[in-house]
Amino acid sequence: MAEHYEPPDPNYRAWATGAMLLEFHSITGAWSEFKAVLEESPELAADVLTWVCPEDDWQWPSVREAQRIAAGRRN
């Protein structure tokens, strides 16, 4: 059975925070905003390094990008 995918509320920026905000930015392709959230929140950037997703998960590209950005901040 296929998973049902509900797109985020177009007004998600008004209420989403933290990892949920990152997820919605990645789903909508708002990569500059995605990177800005990581730059503004060192705690969230560190948390991103601990996220684990299977490679066949549709969210995997956002996790990989977030980990790449967060790892670059640590170097």
PDB file of N, CA and C in Angstrom:
ATOM      1  N   MET A   1       0.840  -1.176   0.000  1.00  0.00           N
ATOM      2  CA  MET A   1       0.000   0.000   0.000  1.00  0.00           C
ATOM      3  C   MET A   1       0.888   1.243   0.000  1.00  0.00           C
ATOM      4  N   ALA A   2       0.598   2.149  -0.889  1.00  0.00           N
ATOM      5  CA  ALA A   2       1.382   3.382  -0.981  1.00  0.00           C
ATOM      6  C   ALA A   2       1.046   4.311   0.182  1.00  0.00           C
ATOM      7  N   GLU A   3       2.066   5.002   0.641  1.00  0.00           N
ATOM      8  CA  GLU A   3       1.861   5.975   1.706  1.00  0.00           C
ATOM      9  C   GLU A   3       1.152   7.200   1.154  1.00  0.00           C
ATOM     10  N   HIS A   4       0.257   7.739   1.962  1.00  0.00           N
ATOM     11  CA  HIS A   4      -0.422   8.971   1.570  1.00  0.00           C
ATOM     12  C   HIS A   4       0.487  10.145   1.906  1.00  0.00           C
ATOM     13  N   TYR A   5       0.694  11.025   0.965  1.00  0.00           N
ATOM     14  CA  TYR A   5       1.537  12.191   1.187  1.00  0.00           C
ATOM     15  C   TYR A   5       0.681  13.450   1.149  1.00  0.00           C
ATOM     16  N   GLU A   6       0.668  14.165   2.232  1.00  0.00           N
ATOM     17  CA  GLU A   6      -0.069  15.419   2.323  1.00  0.00           C
ATOM     18  C   GLU A   6       0.932  16.564   2.266  1.00  0.00           C
ATOM     19  N   PRO A   7       0.855  17.435   1.265  1.00  0.00           N
ATOM     20  CA  PRO A   7       1.819  18.542   1.206  1.00  0.00           C
ATOM     21  C   PRO A   7       1.650  19.476   2.403  1.00  0.00           C
ATOM     22  N   PRO A   8       2.713  20.161   2.782  1.00  0.00           N
ATOM     23  CA  PRO A   8       2.609  21.055   3.934  1.00  0.00           C
ATOM     24  C   PRO A   8       1.680  22.233   3.661  1.00  0.00           C
ATOM     25  N   ASP A   9       1.123  22.728   4.721  1.00  0.00           N
ATOM     26  CA  ASP A   9       0.313  23.946   4.665  1.00  0.00           C
ATOM     27  C   ASP A   9       1.174  25.043   4.038  1.00  0.00           C
ATOM     28  N   PRO A  10       0.675  25.769   3.045  1.00  0.00           N
ATOM     29  CA  PRO A  10       1.481  26.827   2.427  1.00  0.00           C
ATOM     30  C   PRO A  10       1.925  27.909   3.416  1.00  0.00           C
ATOM     31  N   ASN A  11       1.254  27.995   4.530  1.00  0.00           N
ATOM     32  CA  ASN A  11       1.607  28.978   5.558  1.00  0.00           C
ATOM     33  C   ASN A  11       2.441  28.370   6.681  1.00  0.00           C
ATOM     34  N   TYR A  12       3.128  27.257   6.388  1.00  0.00           N
ATOM     35  CA  TYR A  12       3.885  26.562   7.428  1.00  0.00           C
ATOM     36  C   TYR A  12       4.914  27.450   8.118  1.00  0.00           C
ATOM     37  N   ARG A  13       5.428  28.460   7.441  1.00  0.00           N
ATOM     38  CA  ARG A  13       6.457  29.332   8.031  1.00  0.00           C
ATOM     39  C   ARG A  13       5.942  30.056   9.269  1.00  0.00           C
ATOM     40  N   ALA A  14       4.625  30.220   9.372  1.00  0.00           N
ATOM     41  CA  ALA A  14       4.034  30.933  10.499  1.00  0.00           C
ATOM     42  C   ALA A  14       4.013  30.095  11.773  1.00  0.00           C
ATOM     43  N   TRP A  15       4.050  28.767  11.647  1.00  0.00           N
ATOM     44  CA  TRP A  15       3.917  27.950  12.860  1.00  0.00           C
ATOM     45  C   TRP A  15       4.953  26.831  13.009  1.00  0.00           C
ATOM     46  N   ALA A  16       5.576  26.396  11.926  1.00  0.00           N
ATOM     47  CA  ALA A  16       6.536  25.292  12.025  1.00  0.00           C
ATOM     48  C   ALA A  16       7.850  25.772  12.637  1.00  0.00           C
ATOM     49  N   THR A  17       8.472  24.931  13.439  1.00  0.00           N
ATOM     50  CA  THR A  17       9.761  25.248  14.059  1.00  0.00           C
ATOM     51  C   THR A  17      10.675  24.031  13.999  1.00  0.00           C
ATOM     52  N   GLY A  18      11.945  24.261  14.258  1.00  0.00           N
ATOM     53  CA  GLY A  18      12.914  23.182  14.400  1.00  0.00           C
ATOM     54  C   GLY A  18      12.962  22.224  13.232  1.00  0.00           C
ATOM     55  N   ALA A  19      12.985  20.920  13.556  1.00  0.00           N
ATOM     56  CA  ALA A  19      13.113  19.890  12.530  1.00  0.00           C
ATOM     57  C   ALA A  19      11.931  19.909  11.573  1.00  0.00           C
ATOM     58  N   MET A  20      10.733  20.217  12.075  1.00  0.00           N
ATOM     59  CA  MET A  20       9.575  20.275  11.196  1.00  0.00           C
ATOM     60  C   MET A  20       9.739  21.389  10.162  1.00  0.00           C
ATOM     61  N   LEU A  21      10.260  22.530  10.588  1.00  0.00           N
ATOM     62  CA  LEU A  21      10.497  23.630   9.659  1.00  0.00           C
ATOM     63  C   LEU A  21      11.510  23.215   8.594  1.00  0.00           C
ATOM     64  N   LEU A  22      12.593  22.545   9.016  1.00  0.00           N
ATOM     65  CA  LEU A  22      13.580  22.056   8.051  1.00  0.00           C
ATOM     66  C   LEU A  22      12.941  21.092   7.058  1.00  0.00           C
ATOM     67  N   GLU A  23      12.113  20.186   7.574  1.00  0.00           N
ATOM     68  CA  GLU A  23      11.468  19.207   6.706  1.00  0.00           C
ATOM     69  C   GLU A  23      10.584  19.904   5.674  1.00  0.00           C
ATOM     70  N   PHE A  24       9.781  20.861   6.103  1.00  0.00           N
ATOM     71  CA  PHE A  24       8.898  21.559   5.177  1.00  0.00           C
ATOM     72  C   PHE A  24       9.695  22.376   4.161  1.00  0.00           C
ATOM     73  N   HIS A  25      10.777  23.009   4.597  1.00  0.00           N
ATOM     74  CA  HIS A  25      11.620  23.746   3.642  1.00  0.00           C
ATOM     75  C   HIS A  25      12.170  22.805   2.580  1.00  0.00           C
ATOM     76  N   SER A  26      12.577  21.604   2.998  1.00  0.00           N
ATOM     77  CA  SER A  26      13.139  20.661   2.026  1.00  0.00           C
ATOM     78  C   SER A  26      12.065  20.142   1.078  1.00  0.00           C
ATOM     79  N   ILE A  27      10.871  19.876   1.604  1.00  0.00           N
ATOM     80  CA  ILE A  27       9.782  19.378   0.760  1.00  0.00           C
ATOM     81  C   ILE A  27       9.402  20.410  -0.294  1.00  0.00           C
ATOM     82  N   THR A  28       9.389  21.668   0.120  1.00  0.00           N
ATOM     83  CA  THR A  28       8.977  22.725  -0.805  1.00  0.00           C
ATOM     84  C   THR A  28      10.133  23.247  -1.648  1.00  0.00           C
ATOM     85  N   GLY A  29      11.339  22.772  -1.392  1.00  0.00           N
ATOM     86  CA  GLY A  29      12.497  23.200  -2.174  1.00  0.00           C
ATOM     87  C   GLY A  29      13.044  24.555  -1.764  1.00  0.00           C
ATOM     88  N   ALA A  30      12.721  24.978  -0.549  1.00  0.00           N
ATOM     89  CA  ALA A  30      13.201  26.279  -0.054  1.00  0.00           C
ATOM     90  C   ALA A  30      14.588  26.082   0.576  1.00  0.00           C
ATOM     91  N   TRP A  31      15.570  25.745  -0.252  1.00  0.00           N
ATOM     92  CA  TRP A  31      16.895  25.384   0.257  1.00  0.00           C
ATOM     93  C   TRP A  31      17.629  26.559   0.890  1.00  0.00           C
ATOM     94  N   SER A  32      17.448  27.766   0.407  1.00  0.00           N
ATOM     95  CA  SER A  32      18.125  28.908   1.038  1.00  0.00           C
ATOM     96  C   SER A  32      17.569  29.136   2.441  1.00  0.00           C
ATOM     97  N   GLU A  33      16.262  28.967   2.614  1.00  0.00           N
ATOM     98  CA  GLU A  33      15.674  29.094   3.947  1.00  0.00           C
ATOM     99  C   GLU A  33      16.113  27.937   4.836  1.00  0.00           C
ATOM    100  N   PHE A  34      16.224  26.750   4.249  1.00  0.00           N
ATOM    101  CA  PHE A  34      16.693  25.564   4.958  1.00  0.00           C
ATOM    102  C   PHE A  34      18.083  25.829   5.551  1.00  0.00           C
ATOM    103  N   LYS A  35      18.978  26.348   4.708  1.00  0.00           N
ATOM    104  CA  LYS A  35      20.341  26.640   5.153  1.00  0.00           C
ATOM    105  C   LYS A  35      20.360  27.748   6.203  1.00  0.00           C
ATOM    106  N   ALA A  36      19.477  28.741   6.056  1.00  0.00           N
ATOM    107  CA  ALA A  36      19.412  29.834   7.031  1.00  0.00           C
ATOM    108  C   ALA A  36      18.992  29.325   8.402  1.00  0.00           C
ATOM    109  N   VAL A  37      18.054  28.386   8.446  1.00  0.00           N
ATOM    110  CA  VAL A  37      17.622  27.821   9.735  1.00  0.00           C
ATOM    111  C   VAL A  37      18.799  27.130  10.419  1.00  0.00           C
ATOM    112  N   LEU A  38      19.569  26.357   9.649  1.00  0.00           N
ATOM    113  CA  LEU A  38      20.727  25.670  10.243  1.00  0.00           C
ATOM    114  C   LEU A  38      21.773  26.668  10.734  1.00  0.00           C
ATOM    115  N   GLU A  39      21.979  27.743   9.988  1.00  0.00           N
ATOM    116  CA  GLU A  39      22.967  28.742  10.389  1.00  0.00           C
ATOM    117  C   GLU A  39      22.536  29.494  11.641  1.00  0.00           C
ATOM    118  N   GLU A  40      21.226  29.667  11.822  1.00  0.00           N
ATOM    119  CA  GLU A  40      20.707  30.399  12.978  1.00  0.00           C
ATOM    120  C   GLU A  40      20.613  29.533  14.224  1.00  0.00           C
ATOM    121  N   SER A  41      20.663  28.228  14.074  1.00  0.00           N
ATOM    122  CA  SER A  41      20.472  27.337  15.211  1.00  0.00           C
ATOM    123  C   SER A  41      21.568  26.282  15.296  1.00  0.00           C
ATOM    124  N   PRO A  42      22.653  26.575  16.017  1.00  0.00           N
ATOM    125  CA  PRO A  42      23.732  25.579  16.160  1.00  0.00           C
ATOM    126  C   PRO A  42      23.248  24.281  16.804  1.00  0.00           C
ATOM    127  N   GLU A  43      22.278  24.373  17.729  1.00  0.00           N
ATOM    128  CA  GLU A  43      21.759  23.171  18.385  1.00  0.00           C
ATOM    129  C   GLU A  43      21.060  22.269  17.368  1.00  0.00           C
ATOM    130  N   LEU A  44      20.242  22.868  16.529  1.00  0.00           N
ATOM    131  CA  LEU A  44      19.543  22.091  15.513  1.00  0.00           C
ATOM    132  C   LEU A  44      20.534  21.520  14.506  1.00  0.00           C
ATOM    133  N   ALA A  45      21.529  22.298  14.133  1.00  0.00           N
ATOM    134  CA  ALA A  45      22.550  21.812  13.203  1.00  0.00           C
ATOM    135  C   ALA A  45      23.259  20.600  13.786  1.00  0.00           C
ATOM    136  N   ALA A  46      23.554  20.616  15.083  1.00  0.00           N
ATOM    137  CA  ALA A  46      24.198  19.465  15.728  1.00  0.00           C
ATOM    138  C   ALA A  46      23.251  18.273  15.756  1.00  0.00           C
ATOM    139  N   ASP A  47      21.979  18.511  16.023  1.00  0.00           N
ATOM    140  CA  ASP A  47      20.995  17.426  16.053  1.00  0.00           C
ATOM    141  C   ASP A  47      20.877  16.754  14.689  1.00  0.00           C
ATOM    142  N   VAL A  48      20.987  17.541  13.626  1.00  0.00           N
ATOM    143  CA  VAL A  48      20.858  17.018  12.275  1.00  0.00           C
ATOM    144  C   VAL A  48      21.895  15.927  12.027  1.00  0.00           C
ATOM    145  N   LEU A  49      23.052  16.060  12.617  1.00  0.00           N
ATOM    146  CA  LEU A  49      24.109  15.059  12.417  1.00  0.00           C
ATOM    147  C   LEU A  49      23.728  13.701  12.983  1.00  0.00           C
ATOM    148  N   THR A  50      22.755  13.655  13.882  1.00  0.00           N
ATOM    149  CA  THR A  50      22.349  12.379  14.479  1.00  0.00           C
ATOM    150  C   THR A  50      21.127  11.774  13.795  1.00  0.00           C
ATOM    151  N   TRP A  51      20.524  12.477  12.830  1.00  0.00           N
ATOM    152  CA  TRP A  51      19.341  11.946  12.145  1.00  0.00           C
ATOM    153  C   TRP A  51      19.718  10.742  11.314  1.00  0.00           C
ATOM    154  N   VAL A  52      18.868   9.746  11.331  1.00  0.00           N
ATOM    155  CA  VAL A  52      19.098   8.543  10.534  1.00  0.00           C
ATOM    156  C   VAL A  52      17.829   8.238   9.750  1.00  0.00           C
ATOM    157  N   CYS A  53      17.973   8.083   8.449  1.00  0.00           N
ATOM    158  CA  CYS A  53      16.852   7.712   7.578  1.00  0.00           C
ATOM    159  C   CYS A  53      17.330   6.662   6.600  1.00  0.00           C
ATOM    160  N   PRO A  54      16.484   5.689   6.298  1.00  0.00           N
ATOM    161  CA  PRO A  54      16.867   4.726   5.265  1.00  0.00           C
ATOM    162  C   PRO A  54      16.965   5.419   3.909  1.00  0.00           C
ATOM    163  N   GLU A  55      17.844   4.939   3.081  1.00  0.00           N
ATOM    164  CA  GLU A  55      18.077   5.603   1.795  1.00  0.00           C
ATOM    165  C   GLU A  55      16.878   5.570   0.864  1.00  0.00           C
ATOM    166  N   ASP A  56      15.933   4.638   1.077  1.00  0.00           N
ATOM    167  CA  ASP A  56      14.751   4.600   0.209  1.00  0.00           C
ATOM    168  C   ASP A  56      13.626   5.489   0.731  1.00  0.00           C
ATOM    169  N   ASP A  57      13.859   6.174   1.840  1.00  0.00           N
ATOM    170  CA  ASP A  57      12.866   7.086   2.397  1.00  0.00           C
ATOM    171  C   ASP A  57      12.834   8.353   1.553  1.00  0.00           C
ATOM    172  N   TRP A  58      11.654   8.874   1.236  1.00  0.00           N
ATOM    173  CA  TRP A  58      11.541  10.069   0.391  1.00  0.00           C
ATOM    174  C   TRP A  58      12.168  11.289   1.043  1.00  0.00           C
ATOM    175  N   GLN A  59      12.378  11.268   2.364  1.00  0.00           N
ATOM    176  CA  GLN A  59      12.980  12.399   3.047  1.00  0.00           C
ATOM    177  C   GLN A  59      14.507  12.334   3.048  1.00  0.00           C
ATOM    178  N   TRP A  60      15.067  11.249   2.623  1.00  0.00           N
ATOM    179  CA  TRP A  60      16.519  11.057   2.714  1.00  0.00           C
ATOM    180  C   TRP A  60      17.326  12.186   2.094  1.00  0.00           C
ATOM    181  N   PRO A  61      16.987  12.709   0.916  1.00  0.00           N
ATOM    182  CA  PRO A  61      17.794  13.805   0.355  1.00  0.00           C
ATOM    183  C   PRO A  61      17.866  15.022   1.283  1.00  0.00           C
ATOM    184  N   SER A  62      16.788  15.330   1.991  1.00  0.00           N
ATOM    185  CA  SER A  62      16.827  16.486   2.893  1.00  0.00           C
ATOM    186  C   SER A  62      17.718  16.203   4.090  1.00  0.00           C
ATOM    187  N   VAL A  63      17.682  14.975   4.594  1.00  0.00           N
ATOM    188  CA  VAL A  63      18.548  14.612   5.718  1.00  0.00           C
ATOM    189  C   VAL A  63      20.005  14.670   5.294  1.00  0.00           C
ATOM    190  N   ARG A  64      20.302  14.113   4.111  1.00  0.00           N
ATOM    191  CA  ARG A  64      21.682  14.119   3.604  1.00  0.00           C
ATOM    192  C   ARG A  64      22.193  15.554   3.427  1.00  0.00           C
ATOM    193  N   GLU A  65      21.357  16.427   2.880  1.00  0.00           N
ATOM    194  CA  GLU A  65      21.758  17.823   2.677  1.00  0.00           C
ATOM    195  C   GLU A  65      21.962  18.521   4.016  1.00  0.00           C
ATOM    196  N   ALA A  66      21.071  18.271   4.952  1.00  0.00           N
ATOM    197  CA  ALA A  66      21.190  18.883   6.274  1.00  0.00           C
ATOM    198  C   ALA A  66      22.457  18.414   6.979  1.00  0.00           C
ATOM    199  N   GLN A  67      22.769  17.133   6.874  1.00  0.00           N
ATOM    200  CA  GLN A  67      23.981  16.608   7.495  1.00  0.00           C
ATOM    201  C   GLN A  67      25.229  17.196   6.839  1.00  0.00           C
ATOM    202  N   ARG A  68      25.182  17.333   5.512  1.00  0.00           N
ATOM    203  CA  ARG A  68      26.333  17.924   4.811  1.00  0.00           C
ATOM    204  C   ARG A  68      26.565  19.368   5.275  1.00  0.00           C
ATOM    205  N   ILE A  69      25.500  20.131   5.379  1.00  0.00           N
ATOM    206  CA  ILE A  69      25.620  21.532   5.811  1.00  0.00           C
ATOM    207  C   ILE A  69      26.095  21.603   7.253  1.00  0.00           C
ATOM    208  N   ALA A  70      25.490  20.795   8.122  1.00  0.00           N
ATOM    209  CA  ALA A  70      25.868  20.825   9.539  1.00  0.00           C
ATOM    210  C   ALA A  70      27.305  20.368   9.734  1.00  0.00           C
ATOM    211  N   ALA A  71      27.754  19.374   9.011  1.00  0.00           N
ATOM    212  CA  ALA A  71      29.128  18.895   9.132  1.00  0.00           C
ATOM    213  C   ALA A  71      30.106  19.983   8.695  1.00  0.00           C
ATOM    214  N   GLY A  72      29.759  20.723   7.666  1.00  0.00           N
ATOM    215  CA  GLY A  72      30.617  21.808   7.205  1.00  0.00           C
ATOM    216  C   GLY A  72      30.767  22.901   8.248  1.00  0.00           C
ATOM    217  N   ARG A  73      29.743  23.113   9.058  1.00  0.00           N
ATOM    218  CA  ARG A  73      29.806  24.130  10.112  1.00  0.00           C
ATOM    219  C   ARG A  73      30.744  23.694  11.236  1.00  0.00           C
ATOM    220  N   ARG A  74      30.931  22.404  11.404  1.00  0.00           N
ATOM    221  CA  ARG A  74      31.779  21.905  12.484  1.00  0.00           C
ATOM    222  C   ARG A  74      33.247  21.934  12.123  1.00  0.00           C
ATOM    223  N   ASN A  75      33.552  21.972  10.839  1.00  0.00           N
ATOM    224  CA  ASN A  75      34.954  21.930  10.387  1.00  0.00           C
ATOM    225  C   ASN A  75      35.600  23.291  10.470  1.00  0.00           C
TER     226      ASN A  75
END
